[in-house]
Amino acid sequence: MLNRIIKTIEQYDSIVLFRHEYPDMDAIGSQLGLKEIIQDAYPEKNVYALGGMSDVARHFTEKMDEATDEQIAASLAIITDTSNASRVDDQRYKLAKASIRIDHHIKTETFCDMEVVDEKATAACEIIALALRHANIRISKKAAQLLYSGLVADNIRFTITTVRPQTFLAASYLMEMGVDVLKCEQDNFASTYADYQYETKVRNKVRRIGNCLYAIMEPEDYLPLTFSQAKEKVYVLSGVQGIQVWALFTRMGDGIHYSASLRSKTYMVRDIAAQFGGGGHVCASGIKNLTKEQVLEIIQLLEKRSLQDI
């Protein structure tokens, strides 16, 4: 797989890297990590990391790159951590001469010329790190830091059910490249005071139905945080004994619709998300553009799911 990707990269003078909208750390880590790796290996090539700037990205870069339509049209596009075409943050990836996707979500569609999808991996960063390790390729400390941050963020410090022996091999390889574990902890899991205050609001608004916890949050609840910051706080509802499923519903920027983040340690929630146009992992999925009526319907489905025996 890595040999095929390397041979394809070598055919192009310009590489354009994409990831999903509202990026999490795995999206940013895999995108910016690959940028560092390609630039280090091929300093003569032009490498662009595109997409909207995010709070997660600010830990690692002052701004995202820019590229013209003409530059993209002459480039190879590499898309990381993105499960379907509509979620790519910058649809101009379609202009590229060729495209590669590196992803770990359950595959629902094919939208690139070369698809590297490992549904058993905990993160896109895991796939990349394992490929580099297998090929015995050394990378910079900066690139390793990005990949490690994406790895531990997506597998929540190695605590999700899809963690496997290869996950630790990926982490071991990245640590050998010089990862600063304490910095990673700060980048991924430390909270600002505003975050801390909002997390308290989420807990105060939580409701229990069956063995499910949920909270519905409005803009007046999360300001001065942005919508993208607020919707990531679903982890606040985790770790409660006896609770099998939890969900955070956050009013979107249009002031009308909601996004949903559905989570469980062991129960499937992806099928519920799929009923409303969402997707993701078996136990961690998201949905966008929900009406209030749909939110209430999803809560009822989550209640039923939380009471099932598995």
Protein backbone atom coordinates (compact mmCIF):
# COMPACT_ATOMS: atom_id res chain seq x y z
CA MET A 1 0.00 0.00 0.00
CA LEU A 2 2.70 2.48 1.00
CA ASN A 3 4.76 1.64 -2.08
CA ARG A 4 1.77 2.39 -4.31
CA ILE A 5 1.18 5.71 -2.56
CA ILE A 6 4.88 6.66 -2.77
CA LYS A 7 5.03 5.82 -6.47
CA THR A 8 1.92 7.95 -7.07
CA ILE A 9 3.30 10.88 -5.06
CA GLU A 10 6.53 10.75 -7.03
CA GLN A 11 4.60 11.30 -10.26
CA TYR A 12 3.35 14.75 -9.18
CA ASP A 13 5.09 18.05 -8.49
CA SER A 14 2.14 19.22 -6.39
CA ILE A 15 0.29 17.39 -3.60
CA VAL A 16 -2.92 18.76 -2.07
CA LEU A 17 -4.11 17.32 1.25
CA PHE A 18 -7.75 17.34 2.36
CA ARG A 19 -9.72 16.10 5.40
CA HIS A 20 -13.28 16.26 6.68
CA GLU A 21 -15.16 19.39 7.72
CA TYR A 22 -15.28 20.33 11.42
CA PRO A 23 -12.00 18.43 11.82
CA ASP A 24 -11.06 16.52 14.94
CA MET A 25 -7.49 15.74 15.93
CA ASP A 26 -7.27 12.60 13.79
CA ALA A 27 -8.25 14.62 10.71
CA ILE A 28 -5.76 17.39 11.49
CA GLY A 29 -3.01 15.03 12.64
CA SER A 30 -3.21 12.81 9.57
CA GLN A 31 -3.44 15.78 7.17
CA LEU A 32 -0.70 17.96 8.65
CA GLY A 33 1.41 14.94 9.59
CA LEU A 34 1.39 13.75 5.98
CA LYS A 35 2.28 17.26 4.83
CA GLU A 36 5.38 17.24 7.03
CA ILE A 37 6.38 13.74 5.89
CA ILE A 38 5.98 14.52 2.17
CA GLN A 39 7.76 17.86 2.43
CA ASP A 40 10.66 16.30 4.32
CA ALA A 41 11.01 13.48 1.77
CA TYR A 42 10.44 15.63 -1.32
CA PRO A 43 11.52 19.23 -0.57
CA GLU A 44 11.18 20.15 -4.23
CA LYS A 45 7.44 19.43 -4.29
CA ASN A 46 4.66 21.88 -3.45
CA VAL A 47 2.47 20.49 -0.66
CA TYR A 48 -0.76 22.19 0.44
CA ALA A 49 -3.02 21.34 3.39
CA LEU A 50 -6.46 22.78 2.65
CA GLY A 51 -9.67 23.27 4.61
CA GLY A 52 -11.14 25.73 7.03
CA MET A 53 -9.08 26.77 10.02
CA SER A 54 -10.13 25.06 13.25
CA ASP A 55 -9.49 25.33 16.96
CA VAL A 56 -7.81 21.92 16.87
CA ALA A 57 -5.47 23.00 14.07
CA ARG A 58 -4.34 26.10 15.98
CA HIS A 59 -2.26 23.91 18.28
CA PHE A 60 -0.05 23.11 15.29
CA THR A 61 -0.32 25.84 12.65
CA GLU A 62 -1.17 29.54 12.41
CA LYS A 63 -3.21 29.06 9.25
CA MET A 64 -4.19 26.48 6.66
CA ASP A 65 -2.72 26.70 3.18
CA GLU A 66 -4.32 28.18 0.11
CA ALA A 67 -4.32 26.85 -3.44
CA THR A 68 -5.94 28.01 -6.66
CA ASP A 69 -8.23 25.86 -8.79
CA GLU A 70 -5.43 25.64 -11.35
CA GLN A 71 -2.94 24.38 -8.76
CA ILE A 72 -5.36 21.73 -7.51
CA ALA A 73 -6.16 20.64 -11.07
CA ALA A 74 -2.46 19.89 -11.64
CA SER A 75 -2.08 18.02 -8.34
CA LEU A 76 -2.52 14.69 -6.61
CA ALA A 77 -5.20 14.93 -3.92
CA ILE A 78 -4.85 12.90 -0.71
CA ILE A 79 -7.91 12.82 1.57
CA THR A 80 -7.58 11.58 5.14
CA ASP A 81 -10.06 10.51 7.81
CA THR A 82 -13.13 11.15 5.66
CA SER A 83 -15.92 8.60 5.28
CA ASN A 84 -17.86 10.09 2.37
CA ALA A 85 -17.40 12.62 -0.41
CA SER A 86 -19.83 15.20 0.91
CA ARG A 87 -17.82 15.57 4.14
CA VAL A 88 -14.57 16.64 2.43
CA ASP A 89 -13.78 20.17 3.61
CA ASP A 90 -13.17 21.80 0.19
CA GLN A 91 -14.95 20.04 -2.62
CA ARG A 92 -12.31 21.19 -5.08
CA TYR A 93 -10.54 17.91 -4.45
CA LYS A 94 -12.60 16.73 -7.42
CA LEU A 95 -10.49 18.96 -9.68
CA ALA A 96 -7.31 17.00 -8.96
CA LYS A 97 -5.73 14.75 -11.59
CA ALA A 98 -5.76 11.78 -9.24
CA SER A 99 -6.90 11.08 -5.70
CA ILE A 100 -6.07 8.83 -2.75
CA ARG A 101 -8.16 8.25 0.39
CA ILE A 102 -6.74 7.04 3.72
CA ASP A 103 -9.53 6.30 6.18
CA HIS A 104 -10.66 4.08 9.04
CA HIS A 105 -14.43 4.57 8.96
CA ILE A 106 -16.81 1.86 7.79
CA LYS A 107 -16.75 2.10 4.03
CA THR A 108 -20.03 3.26 2.53
CA GLU A 109 -18.84 4.66 -0.79
CA THR A 110 -15.82 4.93 -3.08
CA PHE A 111 -14.87 8.43 -4.21
CA CYS A 112 -11.12 8.32 -4.87
CA ASP A 113 -8.96 6.56 -7.45
CA MET A 114 -7.00 4.72 -4.74
CA GLU A 115 -8.76 3.78 -1.49
CA VAL A 116 -6.83 2.70 1.60
CA VAL A 117 -9.53 1.93 4.18
CA ASP A 118 -8.84 -0.12 7.32
CA GLU A 119 -12.08 -0.31 9.29
CA LYS A 120 -10.31 -2.07 12.17
CA ALA A 121 -7.90 0.82 12.79
CA THR A 122 -8.70 3.23 15.60
CA ALA A 123 -7.57 6.25 13.58
CA ALA A 124 -6.36 7.34 10.17
CA CYS A 125 -3.14 8.28 11.97
CA GLU A 126 -2.80 4.62 13.01
CA ILE A 127 -2.96 3.47 9.39
CA ILE A 128 -0.26 5.93 8.35
CA ALA A 129 2.01 5.15 11.30
CA LEU A 130 1.75 1.38 10.76
CA ALA A 131 2.61 1.75 7.08
CA LEU A 132 5.66 3.88 7.90
CA ARG A 133 6.75 1.44 10.60
CA HIS A 134 6.39 -1.53 8.26
CA ALA A 135 8.57 0.24 5.68
CA ASN A 136 11.11 1.23 8.38
CA ILE A 137 10.83 4.90 7.41
CA ARG A 138 11.99 7.51 9.92
CA ILE A 139 10.00 10.74 10.21
CA SER A 140 10.52 14.04 12.01
CA LYS A 141 9.50 14.62 15.61
CA LYS A 142 6.97 17.20 14.39
CA ALA A 143 5.30 14.72 12.03
CA ALA A 144 5.29 12.04 14.74
CA GLN A 145 3.72 14.46 17.22
CA LEU A 146 0.89 15.18 14.81
CA LEU A 147 0.21 11.51 14.10
CA TYR A 148 0.42 10.50 17.77
CA SER A 149 -1.98 13.27 18.78
CA GLY A 150 -4.51 12.09 16.21
CA LEU A 151 -4.06 8.49 17.30
CA VAL A 152 -4.67 8.99 21.03
CA ALA A 153 -7.46 11.51 20.46
CA ASP A 154 -9.51 9.13 18.31
CA ASN A 155 -8.97 6.09 20.51
CA ILE A 156 -9.43 8.18 23.68
CA ARG A 157 -6.11 7.19 25.23
CA PHE A 158 -6.42 3.55 24.05
CA THR A 159 -9.77 2.93 25.76
CA ILE A 160 -12.18 2.10 22.91
CA THR A 161 -13.18 -1.40 21.87
CA THR A 162 -11.35 -1.24 18.51
CA VAL A 163 -7.93 -0.81 20.13
CA ARG A 164 -5.80 -3.75 18.94
CA PRO A 165 -2.16 -4.86 19.24
CA GLN A 166 -1.30 -2.94 16.07
CA THR A 167 -2.55 0.26 17.75
CA PHE A 168 0.23 -0.01 20.31
CA LEU A 169 2.77 -0.84 17.60
CA ALA A 170 1.80 2.42 15.87
CA ALA A 171 2.18 4.33 19.14
CA SER A 172 5.52 2.66 19.87
CA TYR A 173 6.85 3.60 16.43
CA LEU A 174 5.78 7.23 16.86
CA MET A 175 7.33 7.43 20.32
CA GLU A 176 10.58 6.15 18.85
CA MET A 177 10.43 9.14 16.50
CA GLY A 178 10.49 11.50 19.50
CA VAL A 179 6.89 12.16 20.56
CA ASP A 180 6.41 14.42 23.59
CA VAL A 181 3.62 12.59 25.44
CA LEU A 182 3.00 15.43 27.91
CA LYS A 183 2.58 17.97 25.11
CA CYS A 184 0.17 15.61 23.40
CA GLU A 185 -1.87 15.39 26.59
CA GLN A 186 -2.05 19.18 26.79
CA ASP A 187 -2.94 19.59 23.11
CA ASN A 188 -5.71 16.99 23.22
CA PHE A 189 -7.19 16.87 26.67
CA ALA A 190 -6.43 20.09 28.60
CA SER A 191 -9.37 22.49 28.92
CA THR A 192 -9.48 26.26 28.91
CA TYR A 193 -11.51 27.97 31.62
CA ALA A 194 -14.25 28.66 29.02
CA ASP A 195 -14.26 24.97 28.11
CA TYR A 196 -14.48 24.02 31.77
CA GLN A 197 -17.44 26.34 32.32
CA TYR A 198 -19.26 24.97 29.29
CA GLU A 199 -18.62 21.36 30.28
CA THR A 200 -20.33 22.18 33.58
CA LYS A 201 -23.32 23.55 31.66
CA VAL A 202 -23.53 20.34 29.64
CA ARG A 203 -23.62 18.29 32.84
CA ASN A 204 -26.24 20.57 34.34
CA LYS A 205 -28.51 20.14 31.31
CA VAL A 206 -28.11 16.38 31.02
CA ARG A 207 -31.20 14.19 31.14
CA ARG A 208 -31.48 10.45 31.63
CA ILE A 209 -33.89 8.26 29.73
CA GLY A 210 -33.47 4.52 30.21
CA ASN A 211 -29.74 3.87 30.30
CA CYS A 212 -29.06 6.82 28.01
CA LEU A 213 -27.79 10.29 28.90
CA TYR A 214 -28.36 13.22 26.55
CA ALA A 215 -28.07 17.00 26.54
CA ILE A 216 -29.48 19.54 24.09
CA MET A 217 -27.38 22.70 23.90
CA GLU A 218 -28.25 26.09 22.41
CA PRO A 219 -25.93 28.92 21.26
CA GLU A 220 -26.67 30.91 24.40
CA ASP A 221 -25.32 27.92 26.34
CA TYR A 222 -22.00 27.62 24.53
CA LEU A 223 -21.02 31.22 23.71
CA PRO A 224 -18.20 32.40 23.63
CA LEU A 225 -17.25 28.94 22.36
CA THR A 226 -17.86 28.24 18.69
CA PHE A 227 -20.26 25.59 17.44
CA SER A 228 -17.33 23.36 16.40
CA GLN A 229 -15.87 23.59 19.92
CA ALA A 230 -19.20 22.99 21.62
CA LYS A 231 -20.19 19.92 19.63
CA GLU A 232 -17.00 18.09 20.65
CA LYS A 233 -17.98 18.01 24.34
CA VAL A 234 -19.90 14.73 24.10
CA TYR A 235 -17.13 13.10 26.15
CA VAL A 236 -18.46 15.02 29.18
CA LEU A 237 -21.34 12.52 29.31
CA SER A 238 -19.14 9.41 29.32
CA GLY A 239 -17.91 7.24 32.14
CA VAL A 240 -21.14 7.02 34.15
CA GLN A 241 -21.81 3.58 35.62
CA GLY A 242 -24.96 1.96 34.27
CA ILE A 243 -25.14 4.30 31.25
CA GLN A 244 -24.82 2.44 27.96
CA VAL A 245 -25.38 5.24 25.43
CA TRP A 246 -24.91 9.00 25.51
CA ALA A 247 -25.55 11.82 23.06
CA LEU A 248 -24.94 15.54 22.69
CA PHE A 249 -27.21 17.64 20.47
CA THR A 250 -25.83 21.08 19.60
CA ARG A 251 -27.68 23.84 17.78
CA MET A 252 -25.80 24.66 14.57
CA GLY A 253 -24.70 28.03 13.29
CA ASP A 254 -27.85 28.50 11.21
CA GLY A 255 -29.83 28.79 14.45
CA ILE A 256 -32.32 26.21 13.19
CA HIS A 257 -30.79 22.76 12.96
CA TYR A 258 -28.87 20.57 15.38
CA SER A 259 -25.88 18.31 15.09
CA ALA A 260 -25.76 15.07 17.04
CA SER A 261 -22.81 13.19 18.53
CA LEU A 262 -23.81 9.65 19.51
CA ARG A 263 -21.54 7.49 21.66
CA SER A 264 -21.37 4.15 23.44
CA LYS A 265 -18.66 1.83 24.69
CA THR A 266 -20.27 -1.36 23.40
CA TYR A 267 -23.66 -0.62 21.81
CA MET A 268 -24.06 0.13 18.11
CA VAL A 269 -25.20 3.68 17.33
CA ARG A 270 -24.08 3.99 13.71
CA ASP A 271 -27.28 2.42 12.39
CA ILE A 272 -29.34 5.05 14.23
CA ALA A 273 -27.18 7.82 12.78
CA ALA A 274 -27.55 6.33 9.30
CA GLN A 275 -31.35 6.56 9.52
CA PHE A 276 -30.96 10.36 9.66
CA GLY A 277 -28.23 10.80 7.06
CA GLY A 278 -25.30 10.50 9.46
CA GLY A 279 -22.55 7.95 9.90
CA GLY A 280 -19.21 7.18 11.45
CA HIS A 281 -18.05 4.30 13.61
CA VAL A 282 -20.11 1.51 15.15
CA CYS A 283 -20.01 3.08 18.63
CA ALA A 284 -19.25 6.71 17.72
CA SER A 285 -21.29 8.48 15.06
CA GLY A 286 -22.49 11.92 14.09
CA ILE A 287 -25.38 13.55 12.28
CA LYS A 288 -25.90 17.08 10.91
CA ASN A 289 -28.86 19.28 10.05
CA LEU A 290 -31.43 17.73 12.35
CA THR A 291 -34.76 19.33 13.21
CA LYS A 292 -35.90 19.44 16.83
CA GLU A 293 -38.48 16.79 16.01
CA GLN A 294 -35.75 14.50 14.68
CA VAL A 295 -33.65 15.11 17.80
CA LEU A 296 -36.54 13.93 19.96
CA GLU A 297 -37.06 10.90 17.73
CA ILE A 298 -33.37 9.97 18.02
CA ILE A 299 -33.55 10.25 21.80
CA GLN A 300 -36.39 7.70 21.83
CA LEU A 301 -34.35 5.33 19.66
CA LEU A 302 -31.34 5.72 21.92
CA GLU A 303 -33.46 4.94 24.96
CA LYS A 304 -34.62 1.66 23.37
CA ARG A 305 -31.06 0.81 22.34
CA SER A 306 -29.71 1.51 25.83
CA LEU A 307 -32.10 -1.01 27.38
CA GLN A 308 -31.24 -3.86 25.03
CA ASP A 309 -29.08 -6.80 26.04
CA ILE A 310 -26.02 -7.32 23.88
